[in-house]
Amino acid sequence: MRSEFLGRGLFFPSYVPPSANLYLGPFLTWLVQATRPRNVVTLGLDDGFGYFAVCEAVKRAGFDARCSALGFTLESGSAAISQNVQNRSLLAENLTYSNFSKIVPSGHDTVRDTIRDGTIDLLIFEKNVDAKSLQDWSAKLSRDAIILCGNTTAQNGNNDISELWSRHTQLGEVIR
């Protein structure tokens, strides 16, 4: 089923893993169509739903973009079997978008250094974000960048993330 929101088509993504974030699918697809980001970076792949919703929206809209998901591991040992099955499933799904999408194992620091400053239009935190993560990635953001944060908490009364967020939001509009 396809419907419209603010002049853009809404659709529910085709990749639907067990996820607590399914309600975000139509919003993510709308956001990509409305903003047409050229460079999307997702930190932490979680179940892959949000990332692949973005990839599908890019593919359907037919514009040039580069999407990168950073931070998963293929581990050894019996306790890691279910995680490895999920990660292999994510890698298999990514083949659908392999001409513009890459999934990179953990090691954000080395990948971050390969991305030019001012080029990320959409930065998605699927992992718990802290002030250091936001600060580390801030130079990579384009002038009109959008930051989406999931699983964001200020732990132990630490307001560092709130203060840093306030500094970033003084530069542009914010929807909370």
Protein backbone atom coordinates (compact mmCIF):
# COMPACT_ATOMS: atom_id res chain seq x y z
CA MET A 1 0.00 0.00 0.00
CA ARG A 2 1.29 3.44 -0.90
CA SER A 3 0.04 6.71 0.54
CA GLU A 4 1.22 10.33 0.59
CA PHE A 5 2.63 12.57 3.32
CA LEU A 6 3.69 16.16 2.61
CA GLY A 7 3.72 15.46 -1.11
CA ARG A 8 5.95 12.40 -0.88
CA GLY A 9 5.03 8.77 -1.22
CA LEU A 10 5.04 6.55 1.83
CA PHE A 11 5.66 2.83 1.64
CA PHE A 12 6.45 0.09 4.07
CA PRO A 13 9.90 -1.42 3.46
CA SER A 14 10.11 -4.94 2.07
CA TYR A 15 12.82 -6.13 4.49
CA VAL A 16 10.96 -6.89 7.71
CA PRO A 17 12.98 -8.68 10.39
CA PRO A 18 11.68 -9.10 13.94
CA SER A 19 12.14 -5.52 15.12
CA ALA A 20 10.81 -3.11 17.70
CA ASN A 21 11.31 -0.30 15.16
CA LEU A 22 8.89 -1.29 12.42
CA TYR A 23 6.81 1.84 13.01
CA LEU A 24 9.75 3.92 11.73
CA GLY A 25 9.75 2.37 8.25
CA PRO A 26 7.36 4.76 6.48
CA PHE A 27 8.99 7.78 8.16
CA LEU A 28 12.47 6.73 7.04
CA THR A 29 11.34 6.13 3.47
CA TRP A 30 9.59 9.51 3.41
CA LEU A 31 12.63 11.26 4.90
CA VAL A 32 14.94 9.85 2.24
CA GLN A 33 12.58 10.83 -0.58
CA ALA A 34 12.08 14.32 0.84
CA THR A 35 15.74 15.11 1.53
CA ARG A 36 17.58 12.97 -1.05
CA PRO A 37 20.75 12.52 1.01
CA ARG A 38 23.88 11.83 -1.02
CA ASN A 39 25.78 10.19 1.82
CA VAL A 40 24.08 8.17 4.58
CA VAL A 41 25.99 6.64 7.49
CA THR A 42 24.37 4.35 10.06
CA LEU A 43 26.35 3.60 13.21
CA GLY A 44 25.39 0.23 14.62
CA LEU A 45 23.34 -2.05 12.41
CA ASP A 46 21.00 -3.47 15.06
CA ASP A 47 18.44 -5.65 13.21
CA GLY A 48 19.01 -3.85 9.90
CA PHE A 49 15.43 -2.68 9.49
CA GLY A 50 16.13 1.06 9.52
CA TYR A 51 19.23 0.80 7.36
CA PHE A 52 17.54 -1.28 4.68
CA ALA A 53 14.46 0.98 4.75
CA VAL A 54 16.80 3.84 3.82
CA CYS A 55 18.53 1.75 1.13
CA GLU A 56 15.20 0.71 -0.39
CA ALA A 57 14.01 4.31 -0.45
CA VAL A 58 17.20 5.38 -2.25
CA LYS A 59 16.80 2.60 -4.80
CA ARG A 60 13.10 3.34 -5.42
CA ALA A 61 13.69 7.08 -5.77
CA GLY A 62 16.53 6.39 -8.20
CA PHE A 63 19.00 9.05 -7.13
CA ASP A 64 22.74 8.71 -6.57
CA ALA A 65 23.63 8.08 -2.95
CA ARG A 66 26.17 6.18 -0.93
CA CYS A 67 24.96 4.29 2.14
CA SER A 68 27.24 2.78 4.80
CA ALA A 69 26.38 0.81 7.90
CA LEU A 70 29.18 0.55 10.42
CA GLY A 71 29.57 -1.78 13.33
CA PHE A 72 28.77 -5.44 13.44
CA THR A 73 31.01 -8.41 14.10
CA LEU A 74 31.16 -12.02 13.02
CA GLU A 75 32.25 -13.69 16.24
CA SER A 76 33.45 -17.15 17.08
CA GLY A 77 32.17 -19.46 19.79
CA SER A 78 28.84 -21.10 20.46
CA ALA A 79 27.34 -18.05 22.19
CA ALA A 80 27.74 -16.01 19.02
CA ILE A 81 25.90 -18.39 16.67
CA SER A 82 22.55 -16.55 16.62
CA GLN A 83 24.28 -13.18 16.21
CA ASN A 84 26.34 -14.52 13.33
CA VAL A 85 23.22 -15.92 11.64
CA GLN A 86 21.60 -12.48 11.89
CA ASN A 87 24.73 -10.75 10.56
CA ARG A 88 24.97 -13.14 7.63
CA SER A 89 21.32 -12.42 6.91
CA LEU A 90 22.12 -8.70 6.88
CA LEU A 91 25.01 -9.24 4.49
CA ALA A 92 22.75 -11.27 2.20
CA GLU A 93 20.07 -8.53 2.21
CA ASN A 94 22.72 -5.96 1.40
CA LEU A 95 23.40 -7.68 -1.93
CA THR A 96 20.17 -6.06 -3.16
CA TYR A 97 21.79 -2.65 -2.70
CA SER A 98 25.45 -3.52 -3.25
CA ASN A 99 25.96 -0.93 -6.00
CA PHE A 100 25.58 1.90 -3.45
CA SER A 101 25.61 0.25 -0.01
CA LYS A 102 28.34 -1.24 2.11
CA ILE A 103 28.27 -2.85 5.52
CA VAL A 104 31.51 -2.47 7.45
CA PRO A 105 32.48 -4.47 10.54
CA SER A 106 33.25 -2.73 13.83
CA GLY A 107 36.02 -0.20 13.87
CA HIS A 108 34.27 3.14 13.35
CA ASP A 109 37.44 5.14 13.89
CA THR A 110 39.26 3.81 10.84
CA VAL A 111 36.18 4.14 8.63
CA ARG A 112 35.40 7.63 9.92
CA ASP A 113 38.86 8.75 8.87
CA THR A 114 38.15 7.72 5.25
CA ILE A 115 35.04 9.93 5.01
CA ARG A 116 35.64 13.50 3.92
CA ASP A 117 34.58 16.24 6.31
CA GLY A 118 31.27 17.92 5.50
CA THR A 119 29.89 15.08 3.36
CA ILE A 120 27.40 13.13 5.49
CA ASP A 121 23.83 14.26 4.83
CA LEU A 122 22.08 11.69 7.04
CA LEU A 123 23.74 10.22 10.15
CA ILE A 124 21.79 7.54 11.99
CA PHE A 125 22.84 6.28 15.42
CA GLU A 126 21.35 2.80 15.90
CA LYS A 127 23.61 2.24 18.87
CA ASN A 128 23.68 4.08 22.15
CA VAL A 129 25.15 7.47 21.34
CA ASP A 130 27.25 9.44 23.77
CA ALA A 131 28.79 12.88 23.63
CA LYS A 132 32.10 11.52 22.34
CA SER A 133 30.44 9.70 19.42
CA LEU A 134 28.50 12.79 18.42
CA GLN A 135 31.61 14.96 18.73
CA ASP A 136 33.74 12.48 16.78
CA TRP A 137 31.33 12.46 13.83
CA SER A 138 30.33 16.13 13.84
CA ALA A 139 33.08 17.25 11.44
CA LYS A 140 31.80 14.75 8.86
CA LEU A 141 28.33 16.32 8.72
CA SER A 142 27.27 18.44 5.76
CA ARG A 143 25.84 21.90 6.36
CA ASP A 144 22.26 20.58 6.07
CA ALA A 145 22.84 17.21 7.74
CA ILE A 146 20.14 15.35 9.60
CA ILE A 147 21.01 13.31 12.67
CA LEU A 148 18.65 10.56 13.84
CA CYS A 149 19.36 9.05 17.24
CA GLY A 150 17.89 5.82 18.52
CA ASN A 151 18.69 4.32 21.89
CA THR A 152 20.05 7.63 23.12
CA THR A 153 20.38 8.16 26.82
CA ALA A 154 22.29 10.45 29.10
CA GLN A 155 23.52 7.97 31.66
CA ASN A 156 24.33 8.57 35.33
CA GLY A 157 23.09 12.15 35.24
CA ASN A 158 25.74 13.01 32.64
CA ASN A 159 24.51 15.98 30.65
CA ASP A 160 27.42 15.97 28.20
CA ILE A 161 25.22 14.65 25.39
CA SER A 162 22.53 17.25 26.11
CA GLU A 163 25.07 20.08 26.12
CA LEU A 164 26.70 18.88 22.91
CA TRP A 165 23.30 18.43 21.25
CA SER A 166 22.41 22.00 22.27
CA ARG A 167 25.55 23.31 20.58
CA HIS A 168 24.69 21.45 17.36
CA THR A 169 21.08 22.53 17.35
CA GLN A 170 21.96 26.21 17.60
CA LEU A 171 23.12 25.94 14.00
CA GLY A 172 19.82 24.79 12.52
CA GLU A 173 16.30 23.59 13.06
CA VAL A 174 15.55 20.73 15.40
CA ILE A 175 12.59 18.42 15.75
CA ARG A 176 12.51 16.64 19.09
